[in-house]
Amino acid sequence: MNIEIIGDESISRQARTYAEYRLFAALSQAVETGRVSRASLALRRAPRRRCDAVACTVTIELSGGEVVKLRVSGDHPYAAINRAVERLRWNAPPALRESSQREMAAVD
């Protein structure tokens, strides 16, 4: 599995490292990691009316050719990362959920 974290100079190296750790941990809980050929998490500033927000886009490419994408925003990089990871972990898209359920059923 290849994980790529994308962020401009306004996103600290520490935040990018945190994003990589959180994304890997979430993927290992949401799907069999052998099915993930590539995962990326992109952070960018997204101006809103009253303050700058951070948009976080997660793209997961599965070995079967399926692509899962989600986008969230937060008040700062860590909030955006946490929101994306929680959405991935608790509200996994069907492409991820179905494979995990099939694999768990095979084990039972």
C-alpha atoms as a PDB file:
ATOM      1  CA  MET A   1       0.000   0.000   0.000  1.00  0.00           C
ATOM      2  CA  ASN A   2       1.323   3.396  -0.973  1.00  0.00           C
ATOM      3  CA  ILE A   3       0.223   6.378   1.137  1.00  0.00           C
ATOM      4  CA  GLU A   4       0.810   9.925  -0.059  1.00  0.00           C
ATOM      5  CA  ILE A   5       0.178  13.054   1.996  1.00  0.00           C
ATOM      6  CA  ILE A   6      -0.160  16.298   0.056  1.00  0.00           C
ATOM      7  CA  GLY A   7      -0.044  19.744   1.606  1.00  0.00           C
ATOM      8  CA  ASP A   8       1.375  23.123   0.705  1.00  0.00           C
ATOM      9  CA  GLU A   9       3.852  25.106   2.796  1.00  0.00           C
ATOM     10  CA  SER A  10       1.062  26.340   5.086  1.00  0.00           C
ATOM     11  CA  ILE A  11       0.579  22.756   6.363  1.00  0.00           C
ATOM     12  CA  SER A  12       3.344  21.806   8.801  1.00  0.00           C
ATOM     13  CA  ARG A  13       5.490  18.713   8.440  1.00  0.00           C
ATOM     14  CA  GLN A  14       4.162  17.577  11.817  1.00  0.00           C
ATOM     15  CA  ALA A  15       0.568  17.782  10.547  1.00  0.00           C
ATOM     16  CA  ARG A  16       1.498  15.803   7.411  1.00  0.00           C
ATOM     17  CA  THR A  17       3.181  13.117   9.535  1.00  0.00           C
ATOM     18  CA  TYR A  18       0.117  12.968  11.786  1.00  0.00           C
ATOM     19  CA  ALA A  19      -2.105  12.612   8.695  1.00  0.00           C
ATOM     20  CA  GLU A  20      -0.065   9.674   7.410  1.00  0.00           C
ATOM     21  CA  TYR A  21      -0.241   7.892  10.759  1.00  0.00           C
ATOM     22  CA  ARG A  22      -3.995   8.452  11.174  1.00  0.00           C
ATOM     23  CA  LEU A  23      -4.814   7.432   7.588  1.00  0.00           C
ATOM     24  CA  PHE A  24      -2.840   4.196   7.835  1.00  0.00           C
ATOM     25  CA  ALA A  25      -4.466   3.336  11.177  1.00  0.00           C
ATOM     26  CA  ALA A  26      -7.969   4.031   9.834  1.00  0.00           C
ATOM     27  CA  LEU A  27      -7.399   2.021   6.660  1.00  0.00           C
ATOM     28  CA  SER A  28      -6.126  -0.963   8.614  1.00  0.00           C
ATOM     29  CA  GLN A  29      -9.418  -0.959  10.566  1.00  0.00           C
ATOM     30  CA  ALA A  30     -11.776  -0.240   7.655  1.00  0.00           C
ATOM     31  CA  VAL A  31     -10.462  -2.551   4.937  1.00  0.00           C
ATOM     32  CA  GLU A  32      -7.969  -5.329   4.289  1.00  0.00           C
ATOM     33  CA  THR A  33      -4.856  -3.272   3.560  1.00  0.00           C
ATOM     34  CA  GLY A  34      -3.807  -5.712   0.819  1.00  0.00           C
ATOM     35  CA  ARG A  35      -6.769  -4.447  -1.227  1.00  0.00           C
ATOM     36  CA  VAL A  36      -5.541  -0.839  -1.109  1.00  0.00           C
ATOM     37  CA  SER A  37      -3.144  -0.077  -3.918  1.00  0.00           C
ATOM     38  CA  ARG A  38      -2.849   3.645  -3.168  1.00  0.00           C
ATOM     39  CA  ALA A  39      -4.233   6.121  -0.669  1.00  0.00           C
ATOM     40  CA  SER A  40      -3.753   9.868  -0.583  1.00  0.00           C
ATOM     41  CA  LEU A  41      -4.765  12.595   1.812  1.00  0.00           C
ATOM     42  CA  ALA A  42      -4.599  16.184   0.566  1.00  0.00           C
ATOM     43  CA  LEU A  43      -4.782  19.188   2.877  1.00  0.00           C
ATOM     44  CA  ARG A  44      -5.341  22.712   1.613  1.00  0.00           C
ATOM     45  CA  ARG A  45      -6.519  26.021   2.968  1.00  0.00           C
ATOM     46  CA  ALA A  46     -10.119  26.792   2.067  1.00  0.00           C
ATOM     47  CA  PRO A  47     -11.183  30.347   2.926  1.00  0.00           C
ATOM     48  CA  ARG A  48     -14.637  30.683   4.423  1.00  0.00           C
ATOM     49  CA  ARG A  49     -16.529  33.805   5.377  1.00  0.00           C
ATOM     50  CA  ARG A  50     -15.217  34.347   8.887  1.00  0.00           C
ATOM     51  CA  CYS A  51     -12.028  32.283   9.071  1.00  0.00           C
ATOM     52  CA  ASP A  52      -9.682  30.104   7.110  1.00  0.00           C
ATOM     53  CA  ALA A  53     -10.605  26.449   7.143  1.00  0.00           C
ATOM     54  CA  VAL A  54      -8.664  23.428   5.987  1.00  0.00           C
ATOM     55  CA  ALA A  55     -10.151  21.068   3.402  1.00  0.00           C
ATOM     56  CA  CYS A  56      -9.098  17.431   3.586  1.00  0.00           C
ATOM     57  CA  THR A  57      -9.633  15.098   0.638  1.00  0.00           C
ATOM     58  CA  VAL A  58      -8.973  11.365   1.001  1.00  0.00           C
ATOM     59  CA  THR A  59      -8.701   9.218  -2.119  1.00  0.00           C
ATOM     60  CA  ILE A  60      -8.390   5.438  -1.851  1.00  0.00           C
ATOM     61  CA  GLU A  61      -7.659   3.300  -4.898  1.00  0.00           C
ATOM     62  CA  LEU A  62      -8.536  -0.366  -4.409  1.00  0.00           C
ATOM     63  CA  SER A  63      -6.870  -3.230  -6.241  1.00  0.00           C
ATOM     64  CA  GLY A  64     -10.091  -4.031  -8.118  1.00  0.00           C
ATOM     65  CA  GLY A  65     -10.038  -0.588  -9.740  1.00  0.00           C
ATOM     66  CA  GLU A  66     -12.601   0.994  -7.422  1.00  0.00           C
ATOM     67  CA  VAL A  67     -11.884   4.504  -6.159  1.00  0.00           C
ATOM     68  CA  VAL A  68     -13.320   5.865  -2.915  1.00  0.00           C
ATOM     69  CA  LYS A  69     -13.171   9.602  -2.246  1.00  0.00           C
ATOM     70  CA  LEU A  70     -14.297  11.730   0.654  1.00  0.00           C
ATOM     71  CA  ARG A  71     -13.900  15.405   1.479  1.00  0.00           C
ATOM     72  CA  VAL A  72     -14.316  17.196   4.780  1.00  0.00           C
ATOM     73  CA  SER A  73     -13.175  20.447   6.310  1.00  0.00           C
ATOM     74  CA  GLY A  74     -12.085  21.621   9.729  1.00  0.00           C
ATOM     75  CA  ASP A  75     -10.977  24.779  11.490  1.00  0.00           C
ATOM     76  CA  HIS A  76      -7.318  23.646  11.383  1.00  0.00           C
ATOM     77  CA  PRO A  77      -5.335  20.766   9.806  1.00  0.00           C
ATOM     78  CA  TYR A  78      -5.693  18.400  12.768  1.00  0.00           C
ATOM     79  CA  ALA A  79      -9.452  18.910  12.941  1.00  0.00           C
ATOM     80  CA  ALA A  80      -9.779  18.189   9.213  1.00  0.00           C
ATOM     81  CA  ILE A  81      -7.592  15.066   9.478  1.00  0.00           C
ATOM     82  CA  ASN A  82      -9.527  13.759  12.481  1.00  0.00           C
ATOM     83  CA  ARG A  83     -12.887  14.382  10.804  1.00  0.00           C
ATOM     84  CA  ALA A  84     -11.803  12.561   7.625  1.00  0.00           C
ATOM     85  CA  VAL A  85     -10.435   9.589   9.545  1.00  0.00           C
ATOM     86  CA  GLU A  86     -13.529   9.289  11.714  1.00  0.00           C
ATOM     87  CA  ARG A  87     -15.798   9.443   8.676  1.00  0.00           C
ATOM     88  CA  LEU A  88     -13.709   6.772   6.988  1.00  0.00           C
ATOM     89  CA  ARG A  89     -13.678   4.585  10.095  1.00  0.00           C
ATOM     90  CA  TRP A  90     -17.338   4.870  11.139  1.00  0.00           C
ATOM     91  CA  ASN A  91     -19.083   5.619   7.846  1.00  0.00           C
ATOM     92  CA  ALA A  92     -16.955   3.594   5.475  1.00  0.00           C
ATOM     93  CA  PRO A  93     -18.171   3.855   1.883  1.00  0.00           C
ATOM     94  CA  PRO A  94     -19.820   0.686   0.496  1.00  0.00           C
ATOM     95  CA  ALA A  95     -16.770  -0.277  -1.589  1.00  0.00           C
ATOM     96  CA  LEU A  96     -14.738  -0.554   1.616  1.00  0.00           C
ATOM     97  CA  ARG A  97     -17.478  -1.893   3.881  1.00  0.00           C
ATOM     98  CA  GLU A  98     -18.586  -4.701   1.589  1.00  0.00           C
ATOM     99  CA  SER A  99     -15.118  -6.178   1.245  1.00  0.00           C
ATOM    100  CA  SER A 100     -14.536  -6.039   5.006  1.00  0.00           C
ATOM    101  CA  GLN A 101     -17.884  -7.760   5.682  1.00  0.00           C
ATOM    102  CA  ARG A 102     -17.177 -10.499   3.147  1.00  0.00           C
ATOM    103  CA  GLU A 103     -13.749 -11.123   4.644  1.00  0.00           C
ATOM    104  CA  MET A 104     -15.139 -11.201   8.203  1.00  0.00           C
ATOM    105  CA  ALA A 105     -17.887 -13.627   7.142  1.00  0.00           C
ATOM    106  CA  ALA A 106     -15.267 -15.916   5.607  1.00  0.00           C
ATOM    107  CA  VAL A 107     -13.358 -15.961   8.909  1.00  0.00           C
ATOM    108  CA  ASP A 108     -16.460 -16.717  11.040  1.00  0.00           C
END
